[in-house]
N, C-alpha and C. Protein backbone atom coordinates (compact mmCIF):
# COMPACT_ATOMS: atom_id res chain seq x y z
N UNK A 1 -97.37 -9.12 -124.76
CA UNK A 1 -96.02 -8.58 -124.56
C UNK A 1 -95.02 -9.60 -125.11
N UNK A 2 -94.22 -9.21 -126.09
CA UNK A 2 -93.25 -10.16 -126.65
C UNK A 2 -92.12 -10.43 -125.67
N UNK A 3 -91.60 -11.65 -125.74
CA UNK A 3 -90.45 -11.98 -124.89
C UNK A 3 -89.20 -11.41 -125.50
N UNK A 4 -88.20 -11.18 -124.64
CA UNK A 4 -86.97 -10.55 -125.07
C UNK A 4 -85.81 -11.25 -124.37
N UNK A 5 -84.72 -11.47 -125.05
CA UNK A 5 -83.63 -12.26 -124.48
C UNK A 5 -82.49 -11.44 -123.88
N UNK A 6 -82.41 -10.16 -124.16
CA UNK A 6 -81.25 -9.39 -123.76
C UNK A 6 -81.35 -8.68 -122.43
N UNK A 7 -82.56 -8.35 -121.97
CA UNK A 7 -82.68 -7.62 -120.71
C UNK A 7 -84.07 -7.84 -120.13
N UNK A 8 -84.24 -7.40 -118.90
CA UNK A 8 -85.53 -7.52 -118.24
C UNK A 8 -85.70 -6.39 -117.25
N UNK A 9 -86.91 -5.91 -117.11
CA UNK A 9 -87.25 -4.95 -116.08
C UNK A 9 -87.99 -5.72 -115.00
N UNK A 10 -87.50 -5.63 -113.79
CA UNK A 10 -88.10 -6.40 -112.71
C UNK A 10 -88.39 -5.51 -111.51
N UNK A 11 -89.29 -5.96 -110.67
CA UNK A 11 -89.59 -5.29 -109.41
C UNK A 11 -89.05 -6.19 -108.30
N UNK A 12 -88.25 -5.62 -107.42
CA UNK A 12 -87.69 -6.38 -106.31
C UNK A 12 -88.55 -6.12 -105.08
N UNK A 13 -89.02 -7.19 -104.45
CA UNK A 13 -89.83 -7.07 -103.25
C UNK A 13 -89.52 -8.24 -102.32
N UNK A 14 -89.81 -8.09 -101.03
CA UNK A 14 -89.50 -9.18 -100.08
C UNK A 14 -90.32 -10.43 -100.37
N UNK A 15 -89.72 -11.57 -100.14
CA UNK A 15 -90.42 -12.85 -100.25
C UNK A 15 -90.73 -13.28 -98.82
N UNK A 16 -92.01 -13.30 -98.47
CA UNK A 16 -92.41 -13.61 -97.10
C UNK A 16 -93.09 -14.97 -97.08
N UNK A 17 -92.64 -15.82 -96.18
CA UNK A 17 -93.10 -17.21 -96.14
C UNK A 17 -94.60 -17.32 -95.89
N UNK A 18 -95.19 -16.38 -95.18
CA UNK A 18 -96.62 -16.47 -94.86
C UNK A 18 -97.54 -15.90 -95.91
N UNK A 19 -96.98 -15.29 -96.94
CA UNK A 19 -97.81 -14.69 -97.99
C UNK A 19 -97.78 -15.55 -99.24
N UNK A 20 -98.91 -15.61 -99.96
CA UNK A 20 -98.91 -16.40 -101.19
C UNK A 20 -98.01 -15.76 -102.25
N UNK A 21 -97.47 -16.60 -103.11
CA UNK A 21 -96.65 -16.10 -104.21
C UNK A 21 -97.54 -15.36 -105.18
N UNK A 22 -97.07 -14.22 -105.66
CA UNK A 22 -97.84 -13.45 -106.63
C UNK A 22 -97.56 -14.01 -108.01
N UNK A 23 -98.59 -14.47 -108.71
CA UNK A 23 -98.35 -15.05 -110.04
C UNK A 23 -97.88 -14.00 -111.03
N UNK A 24 -96.98 -14.40 -111.89
CA UNK A 24 -96.49 -13.54 -112.96
C UNK A 24 -97.28 -13.89 -114.21
N UNK A 25 -97.89 -12.87 -114.81
CA UNK A 25 -98.73 -13.15 -115.97
C UNK A 25 -97.95 -13.17 -117.27
N UNK A 26 -96.87 -12.44 -117.34
CA UNK A 26 -96.08 -12.42 -118.58
C UNK A 26 -94.62 -12.67 -118.25
N UNK A 27 -93.97 -13.44 -119.06
CA UNK A 27 -92.55 -13.71 -118.85
C UNK A 27 -91.74 -12.56 -119.43
N UNK A 28 -90.96 -11.84 -118.60
CA UNK A 28 -90.19 -10.74 -119.16
C UNK A 28 -88.98 -11.20 -119.97
N UNK A 29 -88.49 -12.39 -119.72
CA UNK A 29 -87.33 -12.90 -120.45
C UNK A 29 -87.62 -14.34 -120.83
N UNK A 30 -87.50 -14.64 -122.10
CA UNK A 30 -87.82 -15.99 -122.57
C UNK A 30 -86.95 -17.06 -121.92
N UNK A 31 -85.73 -16.71 -121.58
CA UNK A 31 -84.80 -17.70 -121.02
C UNK A 31 -85.05 -17.98 -119.54
N UNK A 32 -85.97 -17.26 -118.92
CA UNK A 32 -86.25 -17.43 -117.49
C UNK A 32 -87.71 -17.80 -117.25
N UNK A 33 -88.13 -18.96 -117.73
CA UNK A 33 -89.53 -19.33 -117.53
C UNK A 33 -89.81 -19.66 -116.06
N UNK A 34 -91.04 -19.43 -115.67
CA UNK A 34 -91.49 -19.78 -114.32
C UNK A 34 -92.55 -20.85 -114.40
N UNK A 35 -92.49 -21.78 -113.47
CA UNK A 35 -93.52 -22.80 -113.35
C UNK A 35 -94.43 -22.41 -112.19
N UNK A 36 -95.61 -23.00 -112.08
CA UNK A 36 -96.50 -22.66 -110.96
C UNK A 36 -95.79 -22.86 -109.61
N UNK A 37 -95.98 -21.89 -108.71
CA UNK A 37 -95.37 -21.96 -107.39
C UNK A 37 -93.94 -21.47 -107.34
N UNK A 38 -93.42 -20.92 -108.44
CA UNK A 38 -92.05 -20.42 -108.49
C UNK A 38 -92.03 -18.90 -108.61
N UNK A 39 -90.96 -18.30 -108.10
CA UNK A 39 -90.68 -16.88 -108.29
C UNK A 39 -89.19 -16.76 -108.56
N UNK A 40 -88.78 -15.67 -109.16
CA UNK A 40 -87.35 -15.41 -109.29
C UNK A 40 -86.87 -14.84 -107.96
N UNK A 41 -85.65 -15.12 -107.61
CA UNK A 41 -85.07 -14.59 -106.38
C UNK A 41 -83.69 -14.02 -106.69
N UNK A 42 -83.36 -12.93 -106.03
CA UNK A 42 -82.05 -12.31 -106.21
C UNK A 42 -81.34 -12.29 -104.86
N UNK A 43 -80.06 -12.58 -104.87
CA UNK A 43 -79.27 -12.62 -103.65
C UNK A 43 -77.97 -11.85 -103.85
N UNK A 44 -77.50 -11.23 -102.79
CA UNK A 44 -76.16 -10.66 -102.80
C UNK A 44 -75.19 -11.79 -102.56
N UNK A 45 -74.09 -11.75 -103.22
CA UNK A 45 -73.10 -12.82 -103.03
C UNK A 45 -71.70 -12.21 -102.98
N UNK A 46 -70.82 -12.91 -102.30
CA UNK A 46 -69.43 -12.49 -102.22
C UNK A 46 -68.58 -13.75 -102.13
N UNK A 47 -67.47 -13.74 -102.83
CA UNK A 47 -66.54 -14.86 -102.66
C UNK A 47 -65.87 -14.70 -101.31
N UNK A 48 -65.88 -15.77 -100.54
CA UNK A 48 -65.21 -15.74 -99.24
C UNK A 48 -64.55 -17.07 -98.97
N UNK A 49 -63.54 -17.05 -98.12
CA UNK A 49 -62.93 -18.32 -97.73
C UNK A 49 -63.95 -19.17 -96.98
N UNK A 50 -63.88 -20.45 -97.18
CA UNK A 50 -64.78 -21.39 -96.51
C UNK A 50 -63.97 -22.58 -96.02
N UNK A 51 -64.55 -23.28 -95.09
CA UNK A 51 -63.97 -24.56 -94.68
C UNK A 51 -64.92 -25.64 -95.18
N UNK A 52 -64.36 -26.68 -95.75
CA UNK A 52 -65.17 -27.76 -96.28
C UNK A 52 -65.57 -28.67 -95.13
N UNK A 53 -66.87 -28.84 -94.95
CA UNK A 53 -67.39 -29.71 -93.90
C UNK A 53 -67.46 -31.14 -94.41
N UNK A 54 -67.94 -31.30 -95.63
CA UNK A 54 -68.08 -32.62 -96.23
C UNK A 54 -68.01 -32.50 -97.74
N UNK A 55 -67.17 -33.31 -98.35
CA UNK A 55 -67.15 -33.34 -99.81
C UNK A 55 -67.46 -34.74 -100.34
N UNK A 56 -67.91 -35.61 -99.43
CA UNK A 56 -68.31 -36.96 -99.84
C UNK A 56 -69.66 -36.88 -100.54
N UNK A 57 -69.65 -37.11 -101.83
CA UNK A 57 -70.88 -37.01 -102.60
C UNK A 57 -70.76 -37.95 -103.80
N UNK A 58 -71.03 -39.24 -103.60
CA UNK A 58 -70.88 -40.18 -104.71
C UNK A 58 -71.77 -39.81 -105.89
N UNK A 59 -71.26 -40.01 -107.08
CA UNK A 59 -72.03 -39.74 -108.29
C UNK A 59 -73.17 -40.74 -108.41
N UNK A 60 -74.34 -40.23 -108.74
CA UNK A 60 -75.53 -41.07 -108.90
C UNK A 60 -75.51 -41.68 -110.31
N UNK A 61 -75.80 -42.96 -110.39
CA UNK A 61 -75.85 -43.67 -111.67
C UNK A 61 -76.82 -42.97 -112.61
N UNK A 62 -76.35 -42.62 -113.81
CA UNK A 62 -77.19 -41.91 -114.78
C UNK A 62 -78.47 -42.67 -115.13
N UNK A 63 -78.43 -43.98 -115.07
CA UNK A 63 -79.62 -44.77 -115.36
C UNK A 63 -80.75 -44.50 -114.37
N UNK A 64 -80.38 -44.09 -113.16
CA UNK A 64 -81.39 -43.80 -112.14
C UNK A 64 -81.96 -42.39 -112.25
N UNK A 65 -81.31 -41.54 -113.04
CA UNK A 65 -81.75 -40.15 -113.13
C UNK A 65 -82.24 -39.77 -114.52
N UNK A 66 -82.43 -40.75 -115.38
CA UNK A 66 -82.89 -40.48 -116.74
C UNK A 66 -84.22 -39.74 -116.70
N UNK A 67 -84.30 -38.64 -117.46
CA UNK A 67 -85.53 -37.85 -117.52
C UNK A 67 -85.65 -36.82 -116.41
N UNK A 68 -84.69 -36.79 -115.50
CA UNK A 68 -84.72 -35.82 -114.39
C UNK A 68 -83.80 -34.65 -114.71
N UNK A 69 -84.10 -33.46 -114.19
CA UNK A 69 -83.16 -32.35 -114.36
C UNK A 69 -81.85 -32.67 -113.65
N UNK A 70 -80.73 -32.29 -114.25
CA UNK A 70 -79.42 -32.56 -113.64
C UNK A 70 -79.28 -31.96 -112.25
N UNK A 71 -79.92 -30.82 -112.03
CA UNK A 71 -79.78 -30.12 -110.74
C UNK A 71 -80.30 -30.94 -109.56
N UNK A 72 -81.22 -31.87 -109.80
CA UNK A 72 -81.79 -32.62 -108.67
C UNK A 72 -80.80 -33.59 -108.04
N UNK A 73 -79.78 -34.00 -108.77
CA UNK A 73 -78.79 -34.92 -108.21
C UNK A 73 -77.35 -34.44 -108.43
N UNK A 74 -77.19 -33.16 -108.78
CA UNK A 74 -75.85 -32.64 -109.02
C UNK A 74 -75.02 -32.75 -107.74
N UNK A 75 -73.75 -33.15 -107.86
CA UNK A 75 -72.91 -33.29 -106.66
C UNK A 75 -72.66 -31.94 -105.98
N UNK A 76 -72.73 -31.95 -104.67
CA UNK A 76 -72.46 -30.75 -103.88
C UNK A 76 -71.52 -31.11 -102.73
N UNK A 77 -71.04 -30.08 -102.06
CA UNK A 77 -70.28 -30.28 -100.83
C UNK A 77 -70.77 -29.23 -99.83
N UNK A 78 -70.62 -29.55 -98.55
CA UNK A 78 -71.03 -28.62 -97.50
C UNK A 78 -69.84 -27.78 -97.06
N UNK A 79 -70.06 -26.47 -96.98
CA UNK A 79 -69.01 -25.55 -96.55
C UNK A 79 -69.57 -24.59 -95.51
N UNK A 80 -68.68 -24.03 -94.71
CA UNK A 80 -69.03 -22.97 -93.77
C UNK A 80 -68.14 -21.77 -94.10
N UNK A 81 -68.73 -20.57 -94.18
CA UNK A 81 -67.96 -19.39 -94.58
C UNK A 81 -67.21 -18.72 -93.43
N UNK A 82 -66.10 -18.08 -93.78
CA UNK A 82 -65.34 -17.23 -92.87
C UNK A 82 -65.70 -15.77 -93.15
N UNK A 83 -65.71 -14.96 -92.10
CA UNK A 83 -65.91 -13.52 -92.23
C UNK A 83 -64.73 -12.83 -91.56
N UNK A 84 -64.22 -11.78 -92.19
CA UNK A 84 -63.11 -11.03 -91.61
C UNK A 84 -63.50 -10.42 -90.28
N UNK A 85 -62.68 -10.61 -89.27
CA UNK A 85 -62.98 -10.10 -87.93
C UNK A 85 -62.47 -8.68 -87.72
N UNK A 86 -61.48 -8.27 -88.51
CA UNK A 86 -60.86 -6.96 -88.33
C UNK A 86 -61.79 -5.83 -88.78
N UNK A 87 -61.75 -4.73 -88.05
CA UNK A 87 -62.43 -3.51 -88.48
C UNK A 87 -61.37 -2.67 -89.17
N UNK A 88 -61.36 -2.71 -90.50
CA UNK A 88 -60.28 -2.02 -91.21
C UNK A 88 -60.78 -1.03 -92.26
N UNK A 89 -62.03 -0.65 -92.20
CA UNK A 89 -62.57 0.28 -93.18
C UNK A 89 -63.22 -0.41 -94.37
N UNK A 90 -62.77 -1.61 -94.71
CA UNK A 90 -63.39 -2.34 -95.82
C UNK A 90 -64.43 -3.33 -95.32
N UNK A 91 -64.48 -3.55 -94.01
CA UNK A 91 -65.46 -4.48 -93.44
C UNK A 91 -65.85 -3.98 -92.05
N UNK A 92 -67.04 -4.36 -91.62
CA UNK A 92 -67.52 -3.94 -90.30
C UNK A 92 -66.76 -4.64 -89.18
N UNK A 93 -66.31 -5.86 -89.44
CA UNK A 93 -65.59 -6.61 -88.43
C UNK A 93 -66.47 -7.00 -87.26
N UNK A 94 -65.82 -7.40 -86.18
CA UNK A 94 -66.53 -7.84 -84.98
C UNK A 94 -66.00 -7.07 -83.78
N UNK A 95 -66.85 -6.86 -82.79
CA UNK A 95 -66.50 -6.20 -81.55
C UNK A 95 -65.43 -7.02 -80.82
N UNK A 96 -64.42 -6.35 -80.25
CA UNK A 96 -63.32 -7.05 -79.58
C UNK A 96 -63.80 -7.94 -78.43
N UNK A 97 -64.77 -7.47 -77.64
CA UNK A 97 -65.30 -8.29 -76.55
C UNK A 97 -65.98 -9.55 -77.07
N UNK A 98 -66.67 -9.42 -78.18
CA UNK A 98 -67.33 -10.57 -78.80
C UNK A 98 -66.29 -11.56 -79.32
N UNK A 99 -65.22 -11.03 -79.94
CA UNK A 99 -64.15 -11.90 -80.43
C UNK A 99 -63.52 -12.67 -79.27
N UNK A 100 -63.30 -12.00 -78.14
CA UNK A 100 -62.76 -12.69 -76.96
C UNK A 100 -63.66 -13.86 -76.56
N UNK A 101 -64.96 -13.64 -76.55
CA UNK A 101 -65.90 -14.71 -76.18
C UNK A 101 -65.87 -15.85 -77.19
N UNK A 102 -65.72 -15.51 -78.46
CA UNK A 102 -65.60 -16.56 -79.48
C UNK A 102 -64.33 -17.36 -79.25
N UNK A 103 -63.23 -16.66 -78.98
CA UNK A 103 -61.95 -17.34 -78.73
C UNK A 103 -62.02 -18.22 -77.48
N UNK A 104 -62.89 -17.88 -76.54
CA UNK A 104 -63.07 -18.69 -75.33
C UNK A 104 -64.09 -19.81 -75.54
N UNK A 105 -64.53 -19.98 -76.78
CA UNK A 105 -65.47 -21.06 -77.16
C UNK A 105 -66.78 -20.99 -76.39
N UNK A 106 -67.34 -19.78 -76.28
CA UNK A 106 -68.62 -19.62 -75.60
C UNK A 106 -69.80 -19.91 -76.52
N UNK A 107 -69.58 -19.89 -77.82
CA UNK A 107 -70.67 -20.07 -78.78
C UNK A 107 -70.32 -21.18 -79.77
N UNK A 108 -71.20 -22.16 -79.94
CA UNK A 108 -70.88 -23.26 -80.84
C UNK A 108 -70.91 -22.86 -82.32
N UNK A 109 -71.57 -21.77 -82.64
CA UNK A 109 -71.72 -21.41 -84.05
C UNK A 109 -70.56 -20.58 -84.60
N UNK A 110 -69.60 -20.20 -83.73
CA UNK A 110 -68.48 -19.37 -84.17
C UNK A 110 -67.15 -20.03 -83.83
N UNK A 111 -66.17 -19.84 -84.71
CA UNK A 111 -64.81 -20.31 -84.44
C UNK A 111 -63.85 -19.25 -84.96
N UNK A 112 -62.91 -18.84 -84.14
CA UNK A 112 -61.92 -17.83 -84.49
C UNK A 112 -60.74 -18.52 -85.17
N UNK A 113 -60.15 -17.86 -86.16
CA UNK A 113 -58.99 -18.44 -86.84
C UNK A 113 -58.17 -17.33 -87.49
N UNK A 114 -56.93 -17.63 -87.78
CA UNK A 114 -56.06 -16.77 -88.58
C UNK A 114 -55.79 -17.52 -89.87
N UNK A 115 -56.40 -17.06 -90.95
CA UNK A 115 -56.26 -17.76 -92.22
C UNK A 115 -54.94 -17.40 -92.89
N UNK A 116 -54.29 -18.36 -93.51
CA UNK A 116 -53.00 -18.10 -94.16
C UNK A 116 -53.17 -17.56 -95.58
N UNK A 117 -54.04 -16.58 -95.75
CA UNK A 117 -54.30 -16.02 -97.07
C UNK A 117 -53.66 -14.64 -97.19
N UNK A 118 -53.00 -14.40 -98.31
CA UNK A 118 -52.37 -13.10 -98.54
C UNK A 118 -53.42 -12.04 -98.83
N UNK A 119 -53.23 -10.86 -98.25
CA UNK A 119 -54.11 -9.75 -98.53
C UNK A 119 -55.46 -9.80 -97.85
N UNK A 120 -55.68 -10.79 -97.01
CA UNK A 120 -56.96 -10.91 -96.32
C UNK A 120 -56.91 -10.31 -94.94
N UNK A 121 -57.96 -10.50 -94.17
CA UNK A 121 -57.98 -9.98 -92.80
C UNK A 121 -56.96 -10.70 -91.92
N UNK A 122 -56.57 -10.03 -90.84
CA UNK A 122 -55.63 -10.64 -89.89
C UNK A 122 -56.26 -11.84 -89.20
N UNK A 123 -57.53 -11.68 -88.82
CA UNK A 123 -58.25 -12.77 -88.16
C UNK A 123 -59.63 -12.92 -88.80
N UNK A 124 -60.19 -14.10 -88.67
CA UNK A 124 -61.49 -14.39 -89.27
C UNK A 124 -62.36 -15.18 -88.30
N UNK A 125 -63.66 -15.09 -88.53
CA UNK A 125 -64.64 -15.83 -87.74
C UNK A 125 -65.36 -16.80 -88.68
N UNK A 126 -65.34 -18.08 -88.31
CA UNK A 126 -66.05 -19.11 -89.06
C UNK A 126 -67.48 -19.17 -88.54
N UNK A 127 -68.45 -19.23 -89.45
CA UNK A 127 -69.87 -19.29 -89.08
C UNK A 127 -70.40 -20.69 -89.32
N UNK A 128 -70.48 -21.50 -88.27
CA UNK A 128 -71.00 -22.86 -88.39
C UNK A 128 -72.53 -22.88 -88.48
N UNK A 129 -73.17 -21.75 -88.19
CA UNK A 129 -74.62 -21.66 -88.36
C UNK A 129 -74.99 -21.27 -89.79
N UNK A 130 -73.99 -21.15 -90.66
CA UNK A 130 -74.25 -20.83 -92.07
C UNK A 130 -73.71 -21.92 -93.00
N UNK A 131 -73.65 -23.14 -92.50
CA UNK A 131 -73.24 -24.27 -93.35
C UNK A 131 -74.21 -24.34 -94.53
N UNK A 132 -73.65 -24.48 -95.73
CA UNK A 132 -74.49 -24.49 -96.92
C UNK A 132 -73.88 -25.36 -98.00
N UNK A 133 -74.72 -25.86 -98.90
CA UNK A 133 -74.18 -26.64 -100.01
C UNK A 133 -73.70 -25.72 -101.13
N UNK A 134 -72.62 -26.11 -101.77
CA UNK A 134 -72.19 -25.46 -103.01
C UNK A 134 -71.91 -26.57 -104.02
N UNK A 135 -71.99 -26.22 -105.28
CA UNK A 135 -71.73 -27.20 -106.32
C UNK A 135 -70.28 -27.65 -106.32
N UNK A 136 -70.05 -28.89 -106.72
CA UNK A 136 -68.69 -29.42 -106.76
C UNK A 136 -68.02 -29.19 -108.11
N UNK A 137 -68.70 -28.48 -109.01
CA UNK A 137 -68.10 -28.17 -110.31
C UNK A 137 -66.86 -27.31 -110.08
N UNK A 138 -65.83 -27.51 -110.88
CA UNK A 138 -64.57 -26.81 -110.64
C UNK A 138 -64.69 -25.29 -110.79
N UNK A 139 -65.75 -24.79 -111.39
CA UNK A 139 -65.95 -23.34 -111.47
C UNK A 139 -66.56 -22.78 -110.18
N UNK A 140 -67.04 -23.62 -109.30
CA UNK A 140 -67.75 -23.17 -108.09
C UNK A 140 -66.81 -22.84 -106.94
N UNK A 141 -65.59 -23.33 -106.96
CA UNK A 141 -64.68 -23.12 -105.84
C UNK A 141 -63.24 -23.28 -106.31
N UNK A 142 -62.32 -22.81 -105.48
CA UNK A 142 -60.90 -23.12 -105.71
C UNK A 142 -60.29 -23.44 -104.36
N UNK A 143 -59.38 -24.37 -104.37
CA UNK A 143 -58.74 -24.78 -103.12
C UNK A 143 -57.54 -23.88 -102.84
N UNK A 144 -57.22 -23.75 -101.55
CA UNK A 144 -56.09 -22.90 -101.16
C UNK A 144 -54.86 -23.73 -100.79
N UNK A 145 -55.04 -25.04 -100.64
CA UNK A 145 -53.91 -25.88 -100.29
C UNK A 145 -53.66 -25.99 -98.80
N UNK A 146 -54.51 -25.39 -97.99
CA UNK A 146 -54.34 -25.43 -96.54
C UNK A 146 -55.41 -26.30 -95.91
N UNK A 147 -55.09 -26.83 -94.74
CA UNK A 147 -56.08 -27.59 -93.98
C UNK A 147 -55.81 -27.39 -92.50
N UNK A 148 -56.79 -27.72 -91.68
CA UNK A 148 -56.63 -27.59 -90.23
C UNK A 148 -55.63 -28.61 -89.72
N UNK A 149 -54.89 -28.23 -88.68
CA UNK A 149 -54.01 -29.19 -88.02
C UNK A 149 -54.90 -30.22 -87.32
N UNK A 150 -54.32 -31.33 -86.91
CA UNK A 150 -55.09 -32.37 -86.22
C UNK A 150 -55.73 -31.82 -84.94
N UNK A 151 -54.98 -30.99 -84.19
CA UNK A 151 -55.53 -30.41 -82.96
C UNK A 151 -56.69 -29.46 -83.26
N UNK A 152 -56.51 -28.62 -84.28
CA UNK A 152 -57.59 -27.69 -84.66
C UNK A 152 -58.79 -28.45 -85.19
N UNK A 153 -58.55 -29.54 -85.91
CA UNK A 153 -59.65 -30.35 -86.44
C UNK A 153 -60.45 -31.00 -85.30
N UNK A 154 -59.77 -31.40 -84.23
CA UNK A 154 -60.47 -31.98 -83.08
C UNK A 154 -61.40 -30.94 -82.44
N UNK A 155 -60.92 -29.71 -82.28
CA UNK A 155 -61.75 -28.63 -81.73
C UNK A 155 -62.91 -28.36 -82.69
N UNK A 156 -62.61 -28.29 -83.98
CA UNK A 156 -63.64 -28.05 -85.00
C UNK A 156 -64.72 -29.13 -84.94
N UNK A 157 -64.31 -30.39 -84.87
CA UNK A 157 -65.29 -31.49 -84.80
C UNK A 157 -66.18 -31.36 -83.57
N UNK A 158 -65.59 -30.95 -82.44
CA UNK A 158 -66.38 -30.78 -81.22
C UNK A 158 -67.35 -29.61 -81.33
N UNK A 159 -66.93 -28.53 -82.00
CA UNK A 159 -67.83 -27.40 -82.22
C UNK A 159 -68.99 -27.80 -83.14
N UNK A 160 -68.69 -28.58 -84.18
CA UNK A 160 -69.74 -29.08 -85.08
C UNK A 160 -70.73 -29.94 -84.28
N UNK A 161 -70.20 -30.83 -83.44
CA UNK A 161 -71.06 -31.68 -82.61
C UNK A 161 -71.95 -30.82 -81.73
N UNK A 162 -71.36 -29.82 -81.08
CA UNK A 162 -72.09 -28.92 -80.20
C UNK A 162 -73.16 -28.15 -80.97
N UNK A 163 -72.82 -27.66 -82.15
CA UNK A 163 -73.75 -26.88 -82.96
C UNK A 163 -74.92 -27.73 -83.45
N UNK A 164 -74.66 -28.93 -83.89
CA UNK A 164 -75.70 -29.76 -84.50
C UNK A 164 -76.50 -30.55 -83.47
N UNK A 165 -75.82 -31.20 -82.54
CA UNK A 165 -76.50 -32.08 -81.60
C UNK A 165 -76.68 -31.48 -80.21
N UNK A 166 -76.04 -30.37 -79.94
CA UNK A 166 -76.15 -29.74 -78.63
C UNK A 166 -75.21 -30.39 -77.64
N UNK A 167 -74.44 -29.59 -76.95
CA UNK A 167 -73.52 -30.12 -75.95
C UNK A 167 -72.20 -30.56 -76.53
N UNK A 168 -71.17 -30.37 -75.74
CA UNK A 168 -69.82 -30.78 -76.13
C UNK A 168 -69.63 -32.24 -75.74
N UNK A 169 -69.04 -33.06 -76.61
CA UNK A 169 -68.85 -34.48 -76.28
C UNK A 169 -68.01 -34.66 -75.01
N UNK A 170 -68.37 -35.66 -74.21
CA UNK A 170 -67.60 -35.97 -73.00
C UNK A 170 -66.17 -36.30 -73.38
N UNK A 171 -65.24 -35.87 -72.55
CA UNK A 171 -63.83 -36.15 -72.79
C UNK A 171 -63.19 -35.20 -73.79
N UNK A 172 -63.94 -34.27 -74.32
CA UNK A 172 -63.41 -33.32 -75.29
C UNK A 172 -62.47 -32.33 -74.61
N UNK A 173 -61.40 -31.97 -75.29
CA UNK A 173 -60.51 -30.92 -74.79
C UNK A 173 -61.26 -29.59 -74.67
N UNK A 174 -62.30 -29.45 -75.45
CA UNK A 174 -63.10 -28.23 -75.42
C UNK A 174 -63.76 -28.03 -74.05
N UNK A 175 -64.15 -29.11 -73.40
CA UNK A 175 -64.76 -29.03 -72.06
C UNK A 175 -63.75 -28.43 -71.08
N UNK A 176 -62.54 -28.98 -71.06
CA UNK A 176 -61.50 -28.49 -70.15
C UNK A 176 -61.14 -27.04 -70.48
N UNK A 177 -61.05 -26.72 -71.76
CA UNK A 177 -60.70 -25.35 -72.17
C UNK A 177 -61.77 -24.37 -71.71
N UNK A 178 -63.03 -24.71 -71.91
CA UNK A 178 -64.13 -23.82 -71.52
C UNK A 178 -64.16 -23.65 -70.00
N UNK A 179 -63.88 -24.72 -69.24
CA UNK A 179 -63.83 -24.61 -67.78
C UNK A 179 -62.70 -23.69 -67.35
N UNK A 180 -61.54 -23.80 -68.00
CA UNK A 180 -60.40 -22.94 -67.70
C UNK A 180 -60.73 -21.47 -68.00
N UNK A 181 -61.36 -21.21 -69.14
CA UNK A 181 -61.73 -19.85 -69.50
C UNK A 181 -62.74 -19.28 -68.50
N UNK A 182 -63.70 -20.10 -68.08
CA UNK A 182 -64.71 -19.66 -67.11
C UNK A 182 -64.05 -19.33 -65.77
N UNK A 183 -63.13 -20.18 -65.33
CA UNK A 183 -62.44 -19.95 -64.05
C UNK A 183 -61.54 -18.70 -64.13
N UNK A 184 -60.92 -18.48 -65.27
CA UNK A 184 -59.99 -17.37 -65.42
C UNK A 184 -60.69 -16.04 -65.66
N UNK A 185 -61.70 -16.03 -66.52
CA UNK A 185 -62.32 -14.77 -66.93
C UNK A 185 -63.74 -14.58 -66.40
N UNK A 186 -64.28 -15.60 -65.74
CA UNK A 186 -65.60 -15.48 -65.14
C UNK A 186 -66.72 -15.68 -66.06
């Protein structure tokens, strides 16, 4: 079967961790070679607002990476995505009772916010359980010019601590807030 550069016919099937990878005997596209133990993967993607968790990523000295693929040491940053909370016909949104619980800081993996973006949802939910790396190349992201206030950043830091290490740090305002919400709403 000759290789072709303009198109490919593929079969999409689930990738299951417990099953062996099915070897591909012929390359459908010359520009997409596979090495042993590799498969092609397809993902749905959407541009969404994110909060930058960490952008500290010093450049690695090129002398240390000679002969290596650039992707192995390419600079990245960690981000967490926002999802629109409103049910407005264009998105499923979140249940109002669930949003109330998020606003009361019952779950470390969620944070409620009102993003200052034009044309977006009225409210959004940040998913700290979906922290992921993205490339730091200028085509990979654009900044909005906004950042969390110092008070919001303190709450955010405590939620990150709770999500990653378990438990809210002693002396955190989040502890007092959660106690107040529990006393008020049960």
